[in-house]
Amino acid sequence: MIKPRQLLFQKIAMFLLVGLTVVSALLGWLFQDTDFASQTWLLWLVWLTVAIKGQQITDIFMELSHAPRMWRLLFLSYVIILPIILGLIYWL
């Protein structure tokens, strides 16, 4: 049975995830005609929202915060490693 406090925490996490998704969509829409090479702060902002959303999905929605440590680290590192690899592919 879900406790009321846990239910409130999940609702807050859901609104945070939706808010970060809206922020990501707005950033993409606002800067769609921008040269990203000159906007490094924008790239860091997008990467930060992706990392926070990945952490939220891993820990709260997939409930891996109570899973074995290796599984949790694997999922959390995926959110960091994949954008780095894609950035390197784009840059090269």
PDB file of N, CA and C in Angstrom:
ATOM      1  N   MET A   1       0.836  -1.181   0.000  1.00  0.00           N
ATOM      2  CA  MET A   1       0.000   0.000   0.000  1.00  0.00           C
ATOM      3  C   MET A   1       0.885   1.250   0.000  1.00  0.00           C
ATOM      4  N   ILE A   2       0.509   2.202  -0.799  1.00  0.00           N
ATOM      5  CA  ILE A   2       1.287   3.434  -0.914  1.00  0.00           C
ATOM      6  C   ILE A   2       0.889   4.384   0.205  1.00  0.00           C
ATOM      7  N   LYS A   3       1.898   4.895   0.878  1.00  0.00           N
ATOM      8  CA  LYS A   3       1.663   5.846   1.951  1.00  0.00           C
ATOM      9  C   LYS A   3       1.366   7.221   1.353  1.00  0.00           C
ATOM     10  N   PRO A   4       0.592   8.057   2.072  1.00  0.00           N
ATOM     11  CA  PRO A   4       0.266   9.393   1.536  1.00  0.00           C
ATOM     12  C   PRO A   4       1.506  10.237   1.259  1.00  0.00           C
ATOM     13  N   ARG A   5       2.516  10.132   2.094  1.00  0.00           N
ATOM     14  CA  ARG A   5       3.738  10.909   1.886  1.00  0.00           C
ATOM     15  C   ARG A   5       4.454  10.460   0.618  1.00  0.00           C
ATOM     16  N   GLN A   6       4.477   9.160   0.385  1.00  0.00           N
ATOM     17  CA  GLN A   6       5.120   8.635  -0.818  1.00  0.00           C
ATOM     18  C   GLN A   6       4.337   9.044  -2.064  1.00  0.00           C
ATOM     19  N   LEU A   7       3.020   9.058  -1.974  1.00  0.00           N
ATOM     20  CA  LEU A   7       2.191   9.478  -3.095  1.00  0.00           C
ATOM     21  C   LEU A   7       2.429  10.949  -3.431  1.00  0.00           C
ATOM     22  N   LEU A   8       2.546  11.787  -2.405  1.00  0.00           N
ATOM     23  CA  LEU A   8       2.846  13.199  -2.618  1.00  0.00           C
ATOM     24  C   LEU A   8       4.206  13.369  -3.283  1.00  0.00           C
ATOM     25  N   PHE A   9       5.198  12.595  -2.821  1.00  0.00           N
ATOM     26  CA  PHE A   9       6.533  12.660  -3.401  1.00  0.00           C
ATOM     27  C   PHE A   9       6.504  12.264  -4.871  1.00  0.00           C
ATOM     28  N   GLN A  10       5.734  11.242  -5.224  1.00  0.00           N
ATOM     29  CA  GLN A  10       5.642  10.808  -6.619  1.00  0.00           C
ATOM     30  C   GLN A  10       4.954  11.858  -7.485  1.00  0.00           C
ATOM     31  N   LYS A  11       3.951  12.542  -6.926  1.00  0.00           N
ATOM     32  CA  LYS A  11       3.279  13.594  -7.687  1.00  0.00           C
ATOM     33  C   LYS A  11       4.222  14.768  -7.944  1.00  0.00           C
ATOM     34  N   ILE A  12       4.992  15.133  -6.935  1.00  0.00           N
ATOM     35  CA  ILE A  12       5.964  16.218  -7.107  1.00  0.00           C
ATOM     36  C   ILE A  12       6.996  15.833  -8.161  1.00  0.00           C
ATOM     37  N   ALA A  13       7.460  14.593  -8.109  1.00  0.00           N
ATOM     38  CA  ALA A  13       8.444  14.116  -9.086  1.00  0.00           C
ATOM     39  C   ALA A  13       7.853  14.115 -10.493  1.00  0.00           C
ATOM     40  N   MET A  14       6.581  13.763 -10.617  1.00  0.00           N
ATOM     41  CA  MET A  14       5.936  13.756 -11.919  1.00  0.00           C
ATOM     42  C   MET A  14       5.847  15.172 -12.487  1.00  0.00           C
ATOM     43  N   PHE A  15       5.471  16.139 -11.644  1.00  0.00           N
ATOM     44  CA  PHE A  15       5.400  17.524 -12.112  1.00  0.00           C
ATOM     45  C   PHE A  15       6.786  18.063 -12.472  1.00  0.00           C
ATOM     46  N   LEU A  16       7.803  17.654 -11.729  1.00  0.00           N
ATOM     47  CA  LEU A  16       9.168  18.055 -12.055  1.00  0.00           C
ATOM     48  C   LEU A  16       9.579  17.487 -13.404  1.00  0.00           C
ATOM     49  N   LEU A  17       9.252  16.238 -13.666  1.00  0.00           N
ATOM     50  CA  LEU A  17       9.591  15.614 -14.940  1.00  0.00           C
ATOM     51  C   LEU A  17       8.864  16.294 -16.092  1.00  0.00           C
ATOM     52  N   VAL A  18       7.588  16.581 -15.910  1.00  0.00           N
ATOM     53  CA  VAL A  18       6.821  17.278 -16.956  1.00  0.00           C
ATOM     54  C   VAL A  18       7.386  18.682 -17.170  1.00  0.00           C
ATOM     55  N   GLY A  19       7.723  19.364 -16.087  1.00  0.00           N
ATOM     56  CA  GLY A  19       8.296  20.705 -16.203  1.00  0.00           C
ATOM     57  C   GLY A  19       9.611  20.698 -16.949  1.00  0.00           C
ATOM     58  N   LEU A  20      10.481  19.740 -16.644  1.00  0.00           N
ATOM     59  CA  LEU A  20      11.763  19.653 -17.349  1.00  0.00           C
ATOM     60  C   LEU A  20      11.571  19.300 -18.816  1.00  0.00           C
ATOM     61  N   THR A  21      10.571  18.507 -19.117  1.00  0.00           N
ATOM     62  CA  THR A  21      10.270  18.178 -20.515  1.00  0.00           C
ATOM     63  C   THR A  21       9.799  19.412 -21.265  1.00  0.00           C
ATOM     64  N   VAL A  22       8.962  20.216 -20.617  1.00  0.00           N
ATOM     65  CA  VAL A  22       8.505  21.461 -21.236  1.00  0.00           C
ATOM     66  C   VAL A  22       9.687  22.411 -21.452  1.00  0.00           C
ATOM     67  N   VAL A  23      10.581  22.506 -20.464  1.00  0.00           N
ATOM     68  CA  VAL A  23      11.768  23.361 -20.605  1.00  0.00           C
ATOM     69  C   VAL A  23      12.624  22.882 -21.775  1.00  0.00           C
ATOM     70  N   SER A  24      12.812  21.578 -21.907  1.00  0.00           N
ATOM     71  CA  SER A  24      13.604  21.044 -23.025  1.00  0.00           C
ATOM     72  C   SER A  24      12.948  21.374 -24.363  1.00  0.00           C
ATOM     73  N   ALA A  25      11.632  21.230 -24.439  1.00  0.00           N
ATOM     74  CA  ALA A  25      10.926  21.543 -25.679  1.00  0.00           C
ATOM     75  C   ALA A  25      11.019  23.033 -26.002  1.00  0.00           C
ATOM     76  N   LEU A  26      10.877  23.882 -24.996  1.00  0.00           N
ATOM     77  CA  LEU A  26      10.988  25.322 -25.218  1.00  0.00           C
ATOM     78  C   LEU A  26      12.386  25.720 -25.667  1.00  0.00           C
ATOM     79  N   LEU A  27      13.404  25.122 -25.068  1.00  0.00           N
ATOM     80  CA  LEU A  27      14.772  25.422 -25.485  1.00  0.00           C
ATOM     81  C   LEU A  27      14.997  25.020 -26.936  1.00  0.00           C
ATOM     82  N   GLY A  28      14.480  23.871 -27.309  1.00  0.00           N
ATOM     83  CA  GLY A  28      14.612  23.434 -28.698  1.00  0.00           C
ATOM     84  C   GLY A  28      13.878  24.349 -29.660  1.00  0.00           C
ATOM     85  N   TRP A  29      12.697  24.807 -29.256  1.00  0.00           N
ATOM     86  CA  TRP A  29      11.899  25.680 -30.114  1.00  0.00           C
ATOM     87  C   TRP A  29      12.505  27.073 -30.214  1.00  0.00           C
ATOM     88  N   LEU A  30      12.962  27.622 -29.087  1.00  0.00           N
ATOM     89  CA  LEU A  30      13.502  28.981 -29.078  1.00  0.00           C
ATOM     90  C   LEU A  30      14.823  29.092 -29.827  1.00  0.00           C
ATOM     91  N   PHE A  31      15.638  28.056 -29.767  1.00  0.00           N
ATOM     92  CA  PHE A  31      16.973  28.124 -30.351  1.00  0.00           C
ATOM     93  C   PHE A  31      17.129  27.203 -31.557  1.00  0.00           C
ATOM     94  N   GLN A  32      16.058  26.992 -32.298  1.00  0.00           N
ATOM     95  CA  GLN A  32      16.134  26.065 -33.421  1.00  0.00           C
ATOM     96  C   GLN A  32      16.982  26.594 -34.579  1.00  0.00           C
ATOM     97  N   ASP A  33      17.102  27.897 -34.717  1.00  0.00           N
ATOM     98  CA  ASP A  33      17.900  28.460 -35.805  1.00  0.00           C
ATOM     99  C   ASP A  33      19.228  29.025 -35.310  1.00  0.00           C
ATOM    100  N   THR A  34      19.682  28.557 -34.137  1.00  0.00           N
ATOM    101  CA  THR A  34      20.896  29.079 -33.525  1.00  0.00           C
ATOM    102  C   THR A  34      22.080  28.194 -33.880  1.00  0.00           C
ATOM    103  N   ASP A  35      23.228  28.822 -34.064  1.00  0.00           N
ATOM    104  CA  ASP A  35      24.472  28.089 -34.254  1.00  0.00           C
ATOM    105  C   ASP A  35      24.929  27.581 -32.884  1.00  0.00           C
ATOM    106  N   PHE A  36      24.816  26.293 -32.653  1.00  0.00           N
ATOM    107  CA  PHE A  36      25.095  25.736 -31.327  1.00  0.00           C
ATOM    108  C   PHE A  36      26.570  25.819 -30.943  1.00  0.00           C
ATOM    109  N   ALA A  37      27.447  25.969 -31.904  1.00  0.00           N
ATOM    110  CA  ALA A  37      28.870  26.066 -31.579  1.00  0.00           C
ATOM    111  C   ALA A  37      29.163  27.318 -30.757  1.00  0.00           C
ATOM    112  N   SER A  38      28.377  28.378 -30.971  1.00  0.00           N
ATOM    113  CA  SER A  38      28.593  29.609 -30.222  1.00  0.00           C
ATOM    114  C   SER A  38      27.743  29.673 -28.954  1.00  0.00           C
ATOM    115  N   GLN A  39      26.887  28.715 -28.744  1.00  0.00           N
ATOM    116  CA  GLN A  39      25.982  28.721 -27.591  1.00  0.00           C
ATOM    117  C   GLN A  39      26.293  27.547 -26.657  1.00  0.00           C
ATOM    118  N   THR A  40      27.504  27.514 -26.122  1.00  0.00           N
ATOM    119  CA  THR A  40      27.877  26.389 -25.263  1.00  0.00           C
ATOM    120  C   THR A  40      27.058  26.354 -23.983  1.00  0.00           C
ATOM    121  N   TRP A  41      26.635  27.505 -23.493  1.00  0.00           N
ATOM    122  CA  TRP A  41      25.798  27.519 -22.276  1.00  0.00           C
ATOM    123  C   TRP A  41      24.477  26.828 -22.533  1.00  0.00           C
ATOM    124  N   LEU A  42      23.958  26.948 -23.763  1.00  0.00           N
ATOM    125  CA  LEU A  42      22.701  26.296 -24.109  1.00  0.00           C
ATOM    126  C   LEU A  42      22.874  24.775 -24.126  1.00  0.00           C
ATOM    127  N   LEU A  43      23.989  24.327 -24.668  1.00  0.00           N
ATOM    128  CA  LEU A  43      24.252  22.888 -24.690  1.00  0.00           C
ATOM    129  C   LEU A  43      24.373  22.327 -23.273  1.00  0.00           C
ATOM    130  N   TRP A  44      25.043  23.071 -22.386  1.00  0.00           N
ATOM    131  CA  TRP A  44      25.160  22.626 -20.994  1.00  0.00           C
ATOM    132  C   TRP A  44      23.802  22.610 -20.304  1.00  0.00           C
ATOM    133  N   LEU A  45      22.943  23.565 -20.615  1.00  0.00           N
ATOM    134  CA  LEU A  45      21.611  23.601 -20.020  1.00  0.00           C
ATOM    135  C   LEU A  45      20.764  22.421 -20.481  1.00  0.00           C
ATOM    136  N   VAL A  46      20.830  22.125 -21.753  1.00  0.00           N
ATOM    137  CA  VAL A  46      20.087  20.972 -22.278  1.00  0.00           C
ATOM    138  C   VAL A  46      20.629  19.680 -21.668  1.00  0.00           C
ATOM    139  N   TRP A  47      21.946  19.556 -21.587  1.00  0.00           N
ATOM    140  CA  TRP A  47      22.536  18.352 -21.007  1.00  0.00           C
ATOM    141  C   TRP A  47      22.153  18.200 -19.537  1.00  0.00           C
ATOM    142  N   LEU A  48      22.098  19.309 -18.810  1.00  0.00           N
ATOM    143  CA  LEU A  48      21.704  19.265 -17.404  1.00  0.00           C
ATOM    144  C   LEU A  48      20.265  18.807 -17.243  1.00  0.00           C
ATOM    145  N   THR A  49      19.362  19.289 -18.087  1.00  0.00           N
ATOM    146  CA  THR A  49      17.968  18.845 -17.988  1.00  0.00           C
ATOM    147  C   THR A  49      17.842  17.368 -18.337  1.00  0.00           C
ATOM    148  N   VAL A  50      18.618  16.908 -19.307  1.00  0.00           N
ATOM    149  CA  VAL A  50      18.599  15.480 -19.660  1.00  0.00           C
ATOM    150  C   VAL A  50      19.111  14.635 -18.489  1.00  0.00           C
ATOM    151  N   ALA A  51      20.166  15.084 -17.831  1.00  0.00           N
ATOM    152  CA  ALA A  51      20.723  14.334 -16.704  1.00  0.00           C
ATOM    153  C   ALA A  51      19.742  14.290 -15.533  1.00  0.00           C
ATOM    154  N   ILE A  52      19.086  15.396 -15.242  1.00  0.00           N
ATOM    155  CA  ILE A  52      18.121  15.420 -14.132  1.00  0.00           C
ATOM    156  C   ILE A  52      16.919  14.549 -14.461  1.00  0.00           C
ATOM    157  N   LYS A  53      16.433  14.626 -15.696  1.00  0.00           N
ATOM    158  CA  LYS A  53      15.295  13.783 -16.079  1.00  0.00           C
ATOM    159  C   LYS A  53      15.670  12.299 -16.012  1.00  0.00           C
ATOM    160  N   GLY A  54      16.862  11.962 -16.447  1.00  0.00           N
ATOM    161  CA  GLY A  54      17.301  10.561 -16.377  1.00  0.00           C
ATOM    162  C   GLY A  54      17.408  10.065 -14.955  1.00  0.00           C
ATOM    163  N   GLN A  55      17.895  10.915 -14.065  1.00  0.00           N
ATOM    164  CA  GLN A  55      17.986  10.542 -12.652  1.00  0.00           C
ATOM    165  C   GLN A  55      16.599  10.351 -12.055  1.00  0.00           C
ATOM    166  N   GLN A  56      15.668  11.226 -12.399  1.00  0.00           N
ATOM    167  CA  GLN A  56      14.302  11.120 -11.895  1.00  0.00           C
ATOM    168  C   GLN A  56      13.645   9.826 -12.383  1.00  0.00           C
ATOM    169  N   ILE A  57      13.813   9.528 -13.655  1.00  0.00           N
ATOM    170  CA  ILE A  57      13.208   8.313 -14.207  1.00  0.00           C
ATOM    171  C   ILE A  57      13.820   7.075 -13.569  1.00  0.00           C
ATOM    172  N   THR A  58      15.138   7.069 -13.411  1.00  0.00           N
ATOM    173  CA  THR A  58      15.815   5.907 -12.832  1.00  0.00           C
ATOM    174  C   THR A  58      15.434   5.688 -11.383  1.00  0.00           C
ATOM    175  N   ASP A  59      15.497   6.727 -10.583  1.00  0.00           N
ATOM    176  CA  ASP A  59      15.283   6.562  -9.144  1.00  0.00           C
ATOM    177  C   ASP A  59      13.818   6.485  -8.737  1.00  0.00           C
ATOM    178  N   ILE A  60      12.971   7.276  -9.356  1.00  0.00           N
ATOM    179  CA  ILE A  60      11.590   7.374  -8.879  1.00  0.00           C
ATOM    180  C   ILE A  60      10.649   6.505  -9.692  1.00  0.00           C
ATOM    181  N   PHE A  61      10.636   6.677 -10.999  1.00  0.00           N
ATOM    182  CA  PHE A  61       9.644   5.975 -11.797  1.00  0.00           C
ATOM    183  C   PHE A  61       9.997   4.513 -12.035  1.00  0.00           C
ATOM    184  N   MET A  62      11.290   4.208 -12.175  1.00  0.00           N
ATOM    185  CA  MET A  62      11.697   2.815 -12.304  1.00  0.00           C
ATOM    186  C   MET A  62      11.970   2.188 -10.942  1.00  0.00           C
ATOM    187  N   GLU A  63      11.977   3.004  -9.900  1.00  0.00           N
ATOM    188  CA  GLU A  63      12.202   2.577  -8.513  1.00  0.00           C
ATOM    189  C   GLU A  63      13.510   1.800  -8.347  1.00  0.00           C
ATOM    190  N   LEU A  64      14.555   2.275  -9.001  1.00  0.00           N
ATOM    191  CA  LEU A  64      15.847   1.622  -8.880  1.00  0.00           C
ATOM    192  C   LEU A  64      16.669   2.163  -7.713  1.00  0.00           C
ATOM    193  N   SER A  65      16.094   3.071  -6.937  1.00  0.00           N
ATOM    194  CA  SER A  65      16.830   3.581  -5.776  1.00  0.00           C
ATOM    195  C   SER A  65      17.030   2.491  -4.728  1.00  0.00           C
ATOM    196  N   HIS A  66      16.211   1.434  -4.796  1.00  0.00           N
ATOM    197  CA  HIS A  66      16.344   0.315  -3.860  1.00  0.00           C
ATOM    198  C   HIS A  66      16.921  -0.933  -4.528  1.00  0.00           C
ATOM    199  N   ALA A  67      17.307  -0.800  -5.780  1.00  0.00           N
ATOM    200  CA  ALA A  67      17.852  -1.934  -6.525  1.00  0.00           C
ATOM    201  C   ALA A  67      19.332  -2.119  -6.172  1.00  0.00           C
ATOM    202  N   PRO A  68      19.928  -3.223  -6.606  1.00  0.00           N
ATOM    203  CA  PRO A  68      21.369  -3.389  -6.397  1.00  0.00           C
ATOM    204  C   PRO A  68      22.147  -2.218  -6.991  1.00  0.00           C
ATOM    205  N   ARG A  69      23.210  -1.882  -6.327  1.00  0.00           N
ATOM    206  CA  ARG A  69      23.974  -0.683  -6.668  1.00  0.00           C
ATOM    207  C   ARG A  69      24.464  -0.676  -8.114  1.00  0.00           C
ATOM    208  N   MET A  70      24.904  -1.812  -8.616  1.00  0.00           N
ATOM    209  CA  MET A  70      25.433  -1.876  -9.973  1.00  0.00           C
ATOM    210  C   MET A  70      24.353  -1.558 -11.011  1.00  0.00           C
ATOM    211  N   TRP A  71      23.134  -2.060 -10.810  1.00  0.00           N
ATOM    212  CA  TRP A  71      22.046  -1.765 -11.734  1.00  0.00           C
ATOM    213  C   TRP A  71      21.748  -0.275 -11.762  1.00  0.00           C
ATOM    214  N   ARG A  72      21.692   0.325 -10.580  1.00  0.00           N
ATOM    215  CA  ARG A  72      21.388   1.751 -10.483  1.00  0.00           C
ATOM    216  C   ARG A  72      22.483   2.580 -11.154  1.00  0.00           C
ATOM    217  N   LEU A  73      23.744   2.255 -10.893  1.00  0.00           N
ATOM    218  CA  LEU A  73      24.853   2.989 -11.509  1.00  0.00           C
ATOM    219  C   LEU A  73      24.870   2.810 -13.026  1.00  0.00           C
ATOM    220  N   LEU A  74      24.503   1.634 -13.494  1.00  0.00           N
ATOM    221  CA  LEU A  74      24.453   1.384 -14.929  1.00  0.00           C
ATOM    222  C   LEU A  74      23.425   2.293 -15.602  1.00  0.00           C
ATOM    223  N   PHE A  75      22.239   2.387 -15.027  1.00  0.00           N
ATOM    224  CA  PHE A  75      21.201   3.235 -15.602  1.00  0.00           C
ATOM    225  C   PHE A  75      21.552   4.720 -15.483  1.00  0.00           C
ATOM    226  N   LEU A  76      22.137   5.130 -14.365  1.00  0.00           N
ATOM    227  CA  LEU A  76      22.502   6.534 -14.193  1.00  0.00           C
ATOM    228  C   LEU A  76      23.661   6.928 -15.114  1.00  0.00           C
ATOM    229  N   SER A  77      24.602   6.025 -15.346  1.00  0.00           N
ATOM    230  CA  SER A  77      25.732   6.351 -16.223  1.00  0.00           C
ATOM    231  C   SER A  77      25.292   6.408 -17.683  1.00  0.00           C
ATOM    232  N   TYR A  78      24.252   5.692 -18.036  1.00  0.00           N
ATOM    233  CA  TYR A  78      23.734   5.713 -19.408  1.00  0.00           C
ATOM    234  C   TYR A  78      23.318   7.129 -19.797  1.00  0.00           C
ATOM    235  N   VAL A  79      22.713   7.845 -18.860  1.00  0.00           N
ATOM    236  CA  VAL A  79      22.228   9.201 -19.123  1.00  0.00           C
ATOM    237  C   VAL A  79      23.403  10.162 -19.336  1.00  0.00           C
ATOM    238  N   ILE A  80      24.529   9.873 -18.765  1.00  0.00           N
ATOM    239  CA  ILE A  80      25.696  10.742 -18.908  1.00  0.00           C
ATOM    240  C   ILE A  80      26.543  10.331 -20.109  1.00  0.00           C
ATOM    241  N   ILE A  81      26.750   9.035 -20.279  1.00  0.00           N
ATOM    242  CA  ILE A  81      27.645   8.542 -21.327  1.00  0.00           C
ATOM    243  C   ILE A  81      27.051   8.716 -22.728  1.00  0.00           C
ATOM    244  N   LEU A  82      25.769   8.457 -22.894  1.00  0.00           N
ATOM    245  CA  LEU A  82      25.157   8.548 -24.221  1.00  0.00           C
ATOM    246  C   LEU A  82      25.244   9.957 -24.817  1.00  0.00           C
ATOM    247  N   PRO A  83      24.891  11.031 -24.086  1.00  0.00           N
ATOM    248  CA  PRO A  83      25.071  12.366 -24.691  1.00  0.00           C
ATOM    249  C   PRO A  83      26.531  12.694 -25.014  1.00  0.00           C
ATOM    250  N   ILE A  84      27.458  12.200 -24.206  1.00  0.00           N
ATOM    251  CA  ILE A  84      28.880  12.442 -24.498  1.00  0.00           C
ATOM    252  C   ILE A  84      29.279  11.746 -25.799  1.00  0.00           C
ATOM    253  N   ILE A  85      28.850  10.510 -25.973  1.00  0.00           N
ATOM    254  CA  ILE A  85      29.167   9.774 -27.203  1.00  0.00           C
ATOM    255  C   ILE A  85      28.525  10.448 -28.412  1.00  0.00           C
ATOM    256  N   LEU A  86      27.263  10.850 -28.290  1.00  0.00           N
ATOM    257  CA  LEU A  86      26.595  11.530 -29.405  1.00  0.00           C
ATOM    258  C   LEU A  86      27.270  12.865 -29.720  1.00  0.00           C
ATOM    259  N   GLY A  87      27.694  13.584 -28.682  1.00  0.00           N
ATOM    260  CA  GLY A  87      28.399  14.836 -28.902  1.00  0.00           C
ATOM    261  C   GLY A  87      29.727  14.626 -29.604  1.00  0.00           C
ATOM    262  N   LEU A  88      30.442  13.580 -29.235  1.00  0.00           N
ATOM    263  CA  LEU A  88      31.706  13.284 -29.890  1.00  0.00           C
ATOM    264  C   LEU A  88      31.497  12.880 -31.358  1.00  0.00           C
ATOM    265  N   ILE A  89      30.453  12.117 -31.621  1.00  0.00           N
ATOM    266  CA  ILE A  89      30.151  11.735 -33.002  1.00  0.00           C
ATOM    267  C   ILE A  89      29.818  12.969 -33.826  1.00  0.00           C
ATOM    268  N   TYR A  90      29.023  13.872 -33.252  1.00  0.00           N
ATOM    269  CA  TYR A  90      28.643  15.091 -33.966  1.00  0.00           C
ATOM    270  C   TYR A  90      29.852  15.988 -34.190  1.00  0.00           C
ATOM    271  N   TRP A  91      30.719  16.069 -33.192  1.00  0.00           N
ATOM    272  CA  TRP A  91      31.880  16.950 -33.256  1.00  0.00           C
ATOM    273  C   TRP A  91      32.920  16.439 -34.254  1.00  0.00           C
ATOM    274  N   LEU A  92      33.095  15.109 -34.295  1.00  0.00           N
ATOM    275  CA  LEU A  92      34.095  14.538 -35.200  1.00  0.00           C
ATOM    276  C   LEU A  92      33.544  14.496 -36.596  1.00  0.00           C
TER     277      LEU A  92
END
